[in-house]
C-alpha cells in the first residue's frame, strides 16, 4: 500500500488532496484515496495533514523532520538568500557515491 489513512482522526478537510502535486489523491467518504497520477514521494500530503491522519510507505511520518522549533528567516534574510543563490553548471566527469545522493535527497 502506498499510504494509509487513520479514518478515526481524518476530518476530510481536503488539504492533502489540494496539495498533492501529481493529483494522486482524491477525497472519498472514507478520506483520501488514490486516484490518477503517480506518487513522487514528496511528502506534501503528510506534512499538510493537521490531524496527522496520513502516513506513507515512501515518506513515513516517523522520518519527517519537525521544523516548527527551527529559527525562521526574516523577510530580509530570505530575500538575501534567494538573490544570492547561484547554480553551478560546470560538472566533473566522475561518479557521485550513492550514499551522498541518498543524503542529499533525504
PDB file of N, CA and C in Angstrom:
ATOM      1  N   UNK A   1       0.840  -1.188   0.000  1.00  0.00           N
ATOM      2  CA  UNK A   1       0.000   0.000   0.000  1.00  0.00           C
ATOM      3  C   UNK A   1       0.878   1.243   0.000  1.00  0.00           C
ATOM      4  N   UNK A   2       0.504   2.202  -0.776  1.00  0.00           N
ATOM      5  CA  UNK A   2       1.262   3.429  -0.911  1.00  0.00           C
ATOM      6  C   UNK A   2       1.129   4.323   0.316  1.00  0.00           C
ATOM      7  N   UNK A   3      -0.073   4.496   0.824  1.00  0.00           N
ATOM      8  CA  UNK A   3      -0.267   5.310   2.011  1.00  0.00           C
ATOM      9  C   UNK A   3      -1.434   4.771   2.821  1.00  0.00           C
ATOM     10  N   UNK A   4      -1.483   5.173   4.072  1.00  0.00           N
ATOM     11  CA  UNK A   4      -2.560   4.753   4.962  1.00  0.00           C
ATOM     12  C   UNK A   4      -3.225   5.990   5.549  1.00  0.00           C
ATOM     13  N   UNK A   5      -4.508   5.849   5.851  1.00  0.00           N
ATOM     14  CA  UNK A   5      -5.287   6.930   6.432  1.00  0.00           C
ATOM     15  C   UNK A   5      -5.912   6.423   7.716  1.00  0.00           C
ATOM     16  N   UNK A   6      -5.677   7.144   8.803  1.00  0.00           N
ATOM     17  CA  UNK A   6      -6.339   6.843  10.068  1.00  0.00           C
ATOM     18  C   UNK A   6      -7.702   7.527  10.001  1.00  0.00           C
ATOM     19  N   UNK A   7      -8.744   6.763   9.647  1.00  0.00           N
ATOM     20  CA  UNK A   7     -10.072   7.336   9.434  1.00  0.00           C
ATOM     21  C   UNK A   7     -10.708   7.834  10.730  1.00  0.00           C
ATOM     22  N   UNK A   8     -10.174   7.420  11.867  1.00  0.00           N
ATOM     23  CA  UNK A   8     -10.718   7.887  13.140  1.00  0.00           C
ATOM     24  C   UNK A   8     -10.364   9.345  13.412  1.00  0.00           C
ATOM     25  N   UNK A   9      -9.242   9.827  12.867  1.00  0.00           N
ATOM     26  CA  UNK A   9      -8.845  11.216  13.101  1.00  0.00           C
ATOM     27  C   UNK A   9      -8.915  12.074  11.836  1.00  0.00           C
ATOM     28  N   UNK A  10      -9.087  11.459  10.671  1.00  0.00           N
ATOM     29  CA  UNK A  10      -9.173  12.216   9.421  1.00  0.00           C
ATOM     30  C   UNK A  10     -10.472  13.021   9.406  1.00  0.00           C
ATOM     31  N   UNK A  11     -10.356  14.337   9.189  1.00  0.00           N
ATOM     32  CA  UNK A  11     -11.528  15.212   9.146  1.00  0.00           C
ATOM     33  C   UNK A  11     -12.019  15.444   7.726  1.00  0.00           C
ATOM     34  N   UNK A  12     -11.352  14.847   6.749  1.00  0.00           N
ATOM     35  CA  UNK A  12     -11.684  15.003   5.334  1.00  0.00           C
ATOM     36  C   UNK A  12     -11.655  16.469   4.908  1.00  0.00           C
ATOM     37  N   UNK A  13     -10.668  17.190   5.434  1.00  0.00           N
ATOM     38  CA  UNK A  13     -10.530  18.626   5.142  1.00  0.00           C
ATOM     39  C   UNK A  13     -10.095  18.871   3.700  1.00  0.00           C
ATOM     40  N   UNK A  14      -9.413  17.893   3.091  1.00  0.00           N
ATOM     41  CA  UNK A  14      -9.007  18.014   1.701  1.00  0.00           C
ATOM     42  C   UNK A  14      -7.670  18.697   1.478  1.00  0.00           C
ATOM     43  N   UNK A  15      -6.965  19.072   2.545  1.00  0.00           N
ATOM     44  CA  UNK A  15      -5.671  19.728   2.365  1.00  0.00           C
ATOM     45  C   UNK A  15      -4.684  18.819   1.643  1.00  0.00           C
ATOM     46  N   UNK A  16      -4.677  17.535   1.977  1.00  0.00           N
ATOM     47  CA  UNK A  16      -3.746  16.601   1.331  1.00  0.00           C
ATOM     48  C   UNK A  16      -4.041  16.484  -0.161  1.00  0.00           C
ATOM     49  N   UNK A  17      -5.317  16.451  -0.499  1.00  0.00           N
ATOM     50  CA  UNK A  17      -5.725  16.344  -1.906  1.00  0.00           C
ATOM     51  C   UNK A  17      -5.320  17.608  -2.660  1.00  0.00           C
ATOM     52  N   UNK A  18      -5.575  18.761  -2.058  1.00  0.00           N
ATOM     53  CA  UNK A  18      -5.259  20.030  -2.711  1.00  0.00           C
ATOM     54  C   UNK A  18      -3.755  20.224  -2.884  1.00  0.00           C
ATOM     55  N   UNK A  19      -2.957  19.674  -1.974  1.00  0.00           N
ATOM     56  CA  UNK A  19      -1.513  19.900  -2.011  1.00  0.00           C
ATOM     57  C   UNK A  19      -0.747  18.862  -2.821  1.00  0.00           C
ATOM     58  N   UNK A  20      -1.394  17.788  -3.234  1.00  0.00           N
ATOM     59  CA  UNK A  20      -0.708  16.730  -3.987  1.00  0.00           C
ATOM     60  C   UNK A  20      -0.337  17.246  -5.380  1.00  0.00           C
ATOM     61  N   UNK A  21       0.974  17.379  -5.680  1.00  0.00           N
ATOM     62  CA  UNK A  21       1.373  17.978  -6.959  1.00  0.00           C
ATOM     63  C   UNK A  21       1.071  17.124  -8.182  1.00  0.00           C
ATOM     64  N   UNK A  22       0.845  15.818  -8.001  1.00  0.00           N
ATOM     65  CA  UNK A  22       0.583  14.971  -9.162  1.00  0.00           C
ATOM     66  C   UNK A  22      -0.888  14.617  -9.320  1.00  0.00           C
ATOM     67  N   UNK A  23      -1.719  15.007  -8.368  1.00  0.00           N
ATOM     68  CA  UNK A  23      -3.143  14.675  -8.448  1.00  0.00           C
ATOM     69  C   UNK A  23      -3.441  13.238  -8.077  1.00  0.00           C
ATOM     70  N   UNK A  24      -2.526  12.602  -7.379  1.00  0.00           N
ATOM     71  CA  UNK A  24      -2.729  11.198  -6.998  1.00  0.00           C
ATOM     72  C   UNK A  24      -3.910  11.039  -6.049  1.00  0.00           C
ATOM     73  N   UNK A  25      -4.047  11.943  -5.099  1.00  0.00           N
ATOM     74  CA  UNK A  25      -5.068  11.795  -4.079  1.00  0.00           C
ATOM     75  C   UNK A  25      -6.396  12.414  -4.495  1.00  0.00           C
ATOM     76  N   UNK A  26      -7.467  11.713  -4.179  1.00  0.00           N
ATOM     77  CA  UNK A  26      -8.828  12.231  -4.333  1.00  0.00           C
ATOM     78  C   UNK A  26      -9.563  11.930  -3.032  1.00  0.00           C
ATOM     79  N   UNK A  27     -10.558  12.745  -2.716  1.00  0.00           N
ATOM     80  CA  UNK A  27     -11.281  12.569  -1.463  1.00  0.00           C
ATOM     81  C   UNK A  27     -12.474  11.647  -1.665  1.00  0.00           C
ATOM     82  N   UNK A  28     -12.625  10.704  -0.751  1.00  0.00           N
ATOM     83  CA  UNK A  28     -13.784   9.817  -0.731  1.00  0.00           C
ATOM     84  C   UNK A  28     -14.506  10.016   0.601  1.00  0.00           C
ATOM     85  N   UNK A  29     -15.585   9.293   0.799  1.00  0.00           N
ATOM     86  CA  UNK A  29     -16.312   9.376   2.074  1.00  0.00           C
ATOM     87  C   UNK A  29     -15.463   8.886   3.237  1.00  0.00           C
ATOM     88  N   UNK A  30     -14.483   8.028   2.948  1.00  0.00           N
ATOM     89  CA  UNK A  30     -13.610   7.476   3.987  1.00  0.00           C
ATOM     90  C   UNK A  30     -12.295   8.230   4.129  1.00  0.00           C
ATOM     91  N   UNK A  31     -12.116   9.321   3.388  1.00  0.00           N
ATOM     92  CA  UNK A  31     -10.863  10.065   3.423  1.00  0.00           C
ATOM     93  C   UNK A  31     -10.162   9.972   2.091  1.00  0.00           C
ATOM     94  N   UNK A  32      -8.908  10.405   2.025  1.00  0.00           N
ATOM     95  CA  UNK A  32      -8.187  10.396   0.749  1.00  0.00           C
ATOM     96  C   UNK A  32      -7.885   8.980   0.268  1.00  0.00           C
ATOM     97  N   UNK A  33      -8.016   8.794  -1.037  1.00  0.00           N
ATOM     98  CA  UNK A  33      -7.689   7.518  -1.688  1.00  0.00           C
ATOM     99  C   UNK A  33      -6.900   7.835  -2.952  1.00  0.00           C
ATOM    100  N   UNK A  34      -6.277   6.809  -3.522  1.00  0.00           N
ATOM    101  CA  UNK A  34      -5.516   7.027  -4.745  1.00  0.00           C
ATOM    102  C   UNK A  34      -6.460   7.175  -5.928  1.00  0.00           C
ATOM    103  N   UNK A  35      -6.141   8.148  -6.750  1.00  0.00           N
ATOM    104  CA  UNK A  35      -6.876   8.371  -7.985  1.00  0.00           C
ATOM    105  C   UNK A  35      -5.918   8.202  -9.135  1.00  0.00           C
ATOM    106  N   UNK A  36      -5.928   9.122 -10.056  1.00  0.00           N
ATOM    107  CA  UNK A  36      -4.983   9.097 -11.173  1.00  0.00           C
ATOM    108  C   UNK A  36      -3.738   9.860 -10.786  1.00  0.00           C
ATOM    109  N   UNK A  37      -2.677   9.609 -11.481  1.00  0.00           N
ATOM    110  CA  UNK A  37      -1.418  10.277 -11.186  1.00  0.00           C
ATOM    111  C   UNK A  37      -0.490   9.324 -10.470  1.00  0.00           C
ATOM    112  N   UNK A  38       0.710   9.769 -10.230  1.00  0.00           N
ATOM    113  CA  UNK A  38       1.702   8.931  -9.579  1.00  0.00           C
ATOM    114  C   UNK A  38       2.318   9.642  -8.398  1.00  0.00           C
ATOM    115  N   UNK A  39       2.738   8.883  -7.424  1.00  0.00           N
ATOM    116  CA  UNK A  39       3.373   9.451  -6.236  1.00  0.00           C
ATOM    117  C   UNK A  39       4.848   9.715  -6.541  1.00  0.00           C
ATOM    118  N   UNK A  40       5.318  10.919  -6.180  1.00  0.00           N
ATOM    119  CA  UNK A  40       6.724  11.268  -6.379  1.00  0.00           C
ATOM    120  C   UNK A  40       7.467  11.323  -5.045  1.00  0.00           C
ATOM    121  N   UNK A  41       6.850  10.793  -4.007  1.00  0.00           N
ATOM    122  CA  UNK A  41       7.470  10.705  -2.672  1.00  0.00           C
ATOM    123  C   UNK A  41       7.868  12.065  -2.114  1.00  0.00           C
ATOM    124  N   UNK A  42       7.066  13.078  -2.371  1.00  0.00           N
ATOM    125  CA  UNK A  42       7.422  14.416  -1.900  1.00  0.00           C
ATOM    126  C   UNK A  42       7.065  14.632  -0.435  1.00  0.00           C
ATOM    127  N   UNK A  43       6.064  13.896   0.062  1.00  0.00           N
ATOM    128  CA  UNK A  43       5.662  14.023   1.456  1.00  0.00           C
ATOM    129  C   UNK A  43       4.747  15.195   1.748  1.00  0.00           C
ATOM    130  N   UNK A  44       4.307  15.910   0.714  1.00  0.00           N
ATOM    131  CA  UNK A  44       3.437  17.062   0.938  1.00  0.00           C
ATOM    132  C   UNK A  44       2.156  16.661   1.653  1.00  0.00           C
ATOM    133  N   UNK A  45       1.533  15.578   1.233  1.00  0.00           N
ATOM    134  CA  UNK A  45       0.258  15.174   1.823  1.00  0.00           C
ATOM    135  C   UNK A  45       0.398  14.920   3.324  1.00  0.00           C
ATOM    136  N   UNK A  46       1.503  14.333   3.720  1.00  0.00           N
ATOM    137  CA  UNK A  46       1.740  14.042   5.135  1.00  0.00           C
ATOM    138  C   UNK A  46       1.994  15.327   5.909  1.00  0.00           C
ATOM    139  N   UNK A  47       2.765  16.223   5.331  1.00  0.00           N
ATOM    140  CA  UNK A  47       3.151  17.427   6.064  1.00  0.00           C
ATOM    141  C   UNK A  47       2.003  18.410   6.249  1.00  0.00           C
ATOM    142  N   UNK A  48       1.018  18.418   5.362  1.00  0.00           N
ATOM    143  CA  UNK A  48      -0.075  19.377   5.498  1.00  0.00           C
ATOM    144  C   UNK A  48      -1.247  18.853   6.303  1.00  0.00           C
ATOM    145  N   UNK A  49      -1.255  17.579   6.649  1.00  0.00           N
ATOM    146  CA  UNK A  49      -2.386  16.996   7.376  1.00  0.00           C
ATOM    147  C   UNK A  49      -2.420  17.529   8.813  1.00  0.00           C
ATOM    148  N   UNK A  50      -3.445  18.315   9.167  1.00  0.00           N
ATOM    149  CA  UNK A  50      -3.481  18.913  10.505  1.00  0.00           C
ATOM    150  C   UNK A  50      -3.773  17.925  11.618  1.00  0.00           C
ATOM    151  N   UNK A  51      -4.316  16.757  11.273  1.00  0.00           N
ATOM    152  CA  UNK A  51      -4.659  15.776  12.308  1.00  0.00           C
ATOM    153  C   UNK A  51      -3.695  14.594  12.348  1.00  0.00           C
ATOM    154  N   UNK A  52      -2.656  14.626  11.527  1.00  0.00           N
ATOM    155  CA  UNK A  52      -1.664  13.545  11.439  1.00  0.00           C
ATOM    156  C   UNK A  52      -2.301  12.216  11.042  1.00  0.00           C
ATOM    157  N   UNK A  53      -3.345  12.287  10.225  1.00  0.00           N
ATOM    158  CA  UNK A  53      -4.080  11.086   9.837  1.00  0.00           C
ATOM    159  C   UNK A  53      -3.429  10.324   8.697  1.00  0.00           C
ATOM    160  N   UNK A  54      -2.545  10.964   7.964  1.00  0.00           N
ATOM    161  CA  UNK A  54      -1.975  10.353   6.768  1.00  0.00           C
ATOM    162  C   UNK A  54      -0.550   9.897   7.012  1.00  0.00           C
ATOM    163  N   UNK A  55      -0.214   8.729   6.476  1.00  0.00           N
ATOM    164  CA  UNK A  55       1.154   8.230   6.522  1.00  0.00           C
ATOM    165  C   UNK A  55       1.438   7.541   5.197  1.00  0.00           C
ATOM    166  N   UNK A  56       2.700   7.406   4.859  1.00  0.00           N
ATOM    167  CA  UNK A  56       3.083   6.857   3.562  1.00  0.00           C
ATOM    168  C   UNK A  56       4.217   5.868   3.711  1.00  0.00           C
ATOM    169  N   UNK A  57       4.199   4.840   2.873  1.00  0.00           N
ATOM    170  CA  UNK A  57       5.300   3.880   2.838  1.00  0.00           C
ATOM    171  C   UNK A  57       6.565   4.531   2.269  1.00  0.00           C
ATOM    172  N   UNK A  58       6.396   5.456   1.332  1.00  0.00           N
ATOM    173  CA  UNK A  58       7.539   6.057   0.659  1.00  0.00           C
ATOM    174  C   UNK A  58       8.165   7.194   1.458  1.00  0.00           C
ATOM    175  N   UNK A  59       7.350   7.951   2.192  1.00  0.00           N
ATOM    176  CA  UNK A  59       7.852   9.045   3.033  1.00  0.00           C
ATOM    177  C   UNK A  59       7.202   8.930   4.412  1.00  0.00           C
ATOM    178  N   UNK A  60       7.626   7.968   5.212  1.00  0.00           N
ATOM    179  CA  UNK A  60       6.964   7.720   6.503  1.00  0.00           C
ATOM    180  C   UNK A  60       7.000   8.934   7.429  1.00  0.00           C
ATOM    181  N   UNK A  61       5.916   9.116   8.154  1.00  0.00           N
ATOM    182  CA  UNK A  61       5.803  10.234   9.096  1.00  0.00           C
ATOM    183  C   UNK A  61       6.944  10.223  10.103  1.00  0.00           C
ATOM    184  N   UNK A  62       7.348   9.036  10.541  1.00  0.00           N
ATOM    185  CA  UNK A  62       8.411   8.954  11.552  1.00  0.00           C
ATOM    186  C   UNK A  62       9.750   9.482  11.031  1.00  0.00           C
ATOM    187  N   UNK A  63       9.907   9.574   9.705  1.00  0.00           N
ATOM    188  CA  UNK A  63      11.141  10.099   9.124  1.00  0.00           C
ATOM    189  C   UNK A  63      11.039  11.576   8.756  1.00  0.00           C
ATOM    190  N   UNK A  64       9.867  12.173   8.962  1.00  0.00           N
ATOM    191  CA  UNK A  64       9.689  13.586   8.665  1.00  0.00           C
ATOM    192  C   UNK A  64      10.388  14.421   9.745  1.00  0.00           C
ATOM    193  N   UNK A  65      10.925  15.542   9.360  1.00  0.00           N
ATOM    194  CA  UNK A  65      11.629  16.427  10.281  1.00  0.00           C
ATOM    195  C   UNK A  65      10.693  17.555  10.700  1.00  0.00           C
ATOM    196  N   UNK A  66      10.513  17.718  11.992  1.00  0.00           N
ATOM    197  CA  UNK A  66       9.686  18.795  12.517  1.00  0.00           C
ATOM    198  C   UNK A  66      10.510  20.072  12.551  1.00  0.00           C
ATOM    199  N   UNK A  67      10.129  21.038  11.733  1.00  0.00           N
ATOM    200  CA  UNK A  67      10.905  22.277  11.672  1.00  0.00           C
ATOM    201  C   UNK A  67      10.237  23.411  12.442  1.00  0.00           C
ATOM    202  N   UNK A  68       9.196  23.109  13.198  1.00  0.00           N
ATOM    203  CA  UNK A  68       8.487  24.173  13.912  1.00  0.00           C
ATOM    204  C   UNK A  68       9.352  24.818  14.981  1.00  0.00           C
ATOM    205  N   UNK A  69      10.361  24.134  15.470  1.00  0.00           N
ATOM    206  CA  UNK A  69      11.231  24.678  16.503  1.00  0.00           C
ATOM    207  C   UNK A  69      12.464  25.371  15.933  1.00  0.00           C
ATOM    208  N   UNK A  70      12.651  25.301  14.627  1.00  0.00           N
ATOM    209  CA  UNK A  70      13.817  25.909  13.993  1.00  0.00           C
ATOM    210  C   UNK A  70      13.620  27.415  13.853  1.00  0.00           C
ATOM    211  N   UNK A  71      14.701  28.186  13.930  1.00  0.00           N
ATOM    212  CA  UNK A  71      14.563  29.632  13.739  1.00  0.00           C
ATOM    213  C   UNK A  71      14.080  29.946  12.327  1.00  0.00           C
ATOM    214  N   UNK A  72      13.262  30.943  12.207  1.00  0.00           N
ATOM    215  CA  UNK A  72      12.719  31.349  10.911  1.00  0.00           C
ATOM    216  C   UNK A  72      13.536  32.498  10.335  1.00  0.00           C
ATOM    217  N   UNK A  73      13.641  32.521   9.018  1.00  0.00           N
ATOM    218  CA  UNK A  73      14.322  33.621   8.338  1.00  0.00           C
ATOM    219  C   UNK A  73      13.440  34.860   8.371  1.00  0.00           C
ATOM    220  N   UNK A  74      14.061  35.993   8.523  1.00  0.00           N
ATOM    221  CA  UNK A  74      13.329  37.245   8.375  1.00  0.00           C
ATOM    222  C   UNK A  74      13.095  37.462   6.884  1.00  0.00           C
ATOM    223  N   UNK A  75      12.178  38.323   6.517  1.00  0.00           N
ATOM    224  CA  UNK A  75      11.993  38.600   5.088  1.00  0.00           C
ATOM    225  C   UNK A  75      13.280  39.092   4.425  1.00  0.00           C
ATOM    226  N   UNK A  76      14.060  39.868   5.143  1.00  0.00           N
ATOM    227  CA  UNK A  76      15.311  40.381   4.583  1.00  0.00           C
ATOM    228  C   UNK A  76      16.314  39.249   4.358  1.00  0.00           C
ATOM    229  N   UNK A  77      16.415  38.318   5.322  1.00  0.00           N
ATOM    230  CA  UNK A  77      17.328  37.187   5.173  1.00  0.00           C
ATOM    231  C   UNK A  77      16.889  36.294   4.010  1.00  0.00           C
ATOM    232  N   UNK A  78      15.588  36.072   3.886  1.00  0.00           N
ATOM    233  CA  UNK A  78      15.077  35.250   2.795  1.00  0.00           C
ATOM    234  C   UNK A  78      15.384  35.893   1.444  1.00  0.00           C
ATOM    235  N   UNK A  79      15.194  37.209   1.360  1.00  0.00           N
ATOM    236  CA  UNK A  79      15.495  37.914   0.108  1.00  0.00           C
ATOM    237  C   UNK A  79      16.976  37.805  -0.232  1.00  0.00           C
ATOM    238  N   UNK A  80      17.837  38.014   0.753  1.00  0.00           N
ATOM    239  CA  UNK A  80      19.273  37.911   0.531  1.00  0.00           C
ATOM    240  C   UNK A  80      19.653  36.511   0.061  1.00  0.00           C
ATOM    241  N   UNK A  81      19.098  35.498   0.700  1.00  0.00           N
ATOM    242  CA  UNK A  81      19.377  34.117   0.300  1.00  0.00           C
ATOM    243  C   UNK A  81      18.944  33.870  -1.145  1.00  0.00           C
ATOM    244  N   UNK A  82      17.719  34.245  -1.469  1.00  0.00           N
ATOM    245  CA  UNK A  82      17.202  33.984  -2.816  1.00  0.00           C
ATOM    246  C   UNK A  82      17.953  34.765  -3.888  1.00  0.00           C
ATOM    247  N   UNK A  83      18.324  36.002  -3.592  1.00  0.00           N
ATOM    248  CA  UNK A  83      19.036  36.819  -4.582  1.00  0.00           C
ATOM    249  C   UNK A  83      20.501  36.395  -4.743  1.00  0.00           C
ATOM    250  N   UNK A  84      21.073  35.762  -3.722  1.00  0.00           N
ATOM    251  CA  UNK A  84      22.487  35.377  -3.803  1.00  0.00           C
ATOM    252  C   UNK A  84      22.677  33.929  -4.248  1.00  0.00           C
ATOM    253  N   UNK A  85      21.605  33.194  -4.436  1.00  0.00           N
ATOM    254  CA  UNK A  85      21.701  31.798  -4.864  1.00  0.00           C
ATOM    255  C   UNK A  85      22.236  31.723  -6.287  1.00  0.00           C
ATOM    256  N   UNK A  86      23.147  30.815  -6.512  1.00  0.00           N
ATOM    257  CA  UNK A  86      23.727  30.621  -7.838  1.00  0.00           C
ATOM    258  C   UNK A  86      23.720  29.136  -8.184  1.00  0.00           C
ATOM    259  N   UNK A  87      23.566  28.842  -9.458  1.00  0.00           N
ATOM    260  CA  UNK A  87      23.623  27.468  -9.927  1.00  0.00           C
ATOM    261  C   UNK A  87      25.007  27.191 -10.496  1.00  0.00           C
ATOM    262  N   UNK A  88      25.474  25.985 -10.288  1.00  0.00           N
ATOM    263  CA  UNK A  88      26.770  25.575 -10.829  1.00  0.00           C
ATOM    264  C   UNK A  88      26.500  24.588 -11.965  1.00  0.00           C
ATOM    265  N   UNK A  89      27.005  24.920 -13.120  1.00  0.00           N
ATOM    266  CA  UNK A  89      26.783  24.060 -14.284  1.00  0.00           C
ATOM    267  C   UNK A  89      28.098  23.603 -14.899  1.00  0.00           C
ATOM    268  N   UNK A  90      29.121  23.530 -14.081  1.00  0.00           N
ATOM    269  CA  UNK A  90      30.421  23.071 -14.524  1.00  0.00           C
ATOM    270  C   UNK A  90      30.666  21.737 -13.814  1.00  0.00           C
ATOM    271  N   UNK A  91      30.377  20.635 -14.485  1.00  0.00           N
ATOM    272  CA  UNK A  91      30.384  19.322 -13.851  1.00  0.00           C
ATOM    273  C   UNK A  91      31.696  18.586 -14.089  1.00  0.00           C
ATOM    274  N   UNK A  92      32.045  17.734 -13.128  1.00  0.00           N
ATOM    275  CA  UNK A  92      33.220  16.885 -13.260  1.00  0.00           C
ATOM    276  C   UNK A  92      32.780  15.527 -13.791  1.00  0.00           C
ATOM    277  N   UNK A  93      33.642  14.878 -14.524  1.00  0.00           N
ATOM    278  CA  UNK A  93      33.324  13.579 -15.100  1.00  0.00           C
ATOM    279  C   UNK A  93      33.754  12.468 -14.142  1.00  0.00           C
ATOM    280  N   UNK A  94      33.066  12.393 -13.000  1.00  0.00           N
ATOM    281  CA  UNK A  94      33.344  11.320 -12.054  1.00  0.00           C
ATOM    282  C   UNK A  94      32.045  10.957 -11.336  1.00  0.00           C
ATOM    283  N   UNK A  95      31.896   9.684 -10.970  1.00  0.00           N
ATOM    284  CA  UNK A  95      30.638   9.253 -10.345  1.00  0.00           C
ATOM    285  C   UNK A  95      30.455   9.853  -8.944  1.00  0.00           C
ATOM    286  N   UNK A  96      29.193  10.042  -8.592  1.00  0.00           N
ATOM    287  CA  UNK A  96      28.844  10.521  -7.253  1.00  0.00           C
ATOM    288  C   UNK A  96      28.480   9.296  -6.416  1.00  0.00           C
ATOM    289  N   UNK A  97      29.065   9.154  -5.224  1.00  0.00           N
ATOM    290  CA  UNK A  97      28.747   7.988  -4.387  1.00  0.00           C
ATOM    291  C   UNK A  97      27.257   7.922  -4.067  1.00  0.00           C
ATOM    292  N   UNK A  98      26.699   6.722  -4.115  1.00  0.00           N
ATOM    293  CA  UNK A  98      25.273   6.519  -3.871  1.00  0.00           C
ATOM    294  C   UNK A  98      24.857   7.044  -2.499  1.00  0.00           C
ATOM    295  N   UNK A  99      25.689   6.886  -1.494  1.00  0.00           N
ATOM    296  CA  UNK A  99      25.357   7.356  -0.149  1.00  0.00           C
ATOM    297  C   UNK A  99      25.209   8.879  -0.116  1.00  0.00           C
ATOM    298  N   UNK A 100      26.035   9.590  -0.873  1.00  0.00           N
ATOM    299  CA  UNK A 100      25.915  11.046  -0.930  1.00  0.00           C
ATOM    300  C   UNK A 100      24.614  11.456  -1.613  1.00  0.00           C
ATOM    301  N   UNK A 101      24.236  10.753  -2.656  1.00  0.00           N
ATOM    302  CA  UNK A 101      22.975  11.031  -3.341  1.00  0.00           C
ATOM    303  C   UNK A 101      21.817  10.819  -2.385  1.00  0.00           C
ATOM    304  N   UNK A 102      21.806   9.706  -1.648  1.00  0.00           N
ATOM    305  CA  UNK A 102      20.742   9.437  -0.665  1.00  0.00           C
ATOM    306  C   UNK A 102      20.677  10.531   0.393  1.00  0.00           C
ATOM    307  N   UNK A 103      21.834  10.969   0.866  1.00  0.00           N
ATOM    308  CA  UNK A 103      21.883  12.012   1.901  1.00  0.00           C
ATOM    309  C   UNK A 103      21.290  13.317   1.387  1.00  0.00           C
ATOM    310  N   UNK A 104      21.643  13.701   0.171  1.00  0.00           N
ATOM    311  CA  UNK A 104      21.123  14.941  -0.417  1.00  0.00           C
ATOM    312  C   UNK A 104      19.607  14.828  -0.642  1.00  0.00           C
ATOM    313  N   UNK A 105      19.142  13.690  -1.125  1.00  0.00           N
ATOM    314  CA  UNK A 105      17.715  13.522  -1.371  1.00  0.00           C
ATOM    315  C   UNK A 105      16.919  13.529  -0.071  1.00  0.00           C
ATOM    316  N   UNK A 106      17.496  12.950   0.973  1.00  0.00           N
ATOM    317  CA  UNK A 106      16.787  12.947   2.258  1.00  0.00           C
ATOM    318  C   UNK A 106      16.745  14.336   2.835  1.00  0.00           C
TER     319      UNK A 106
END
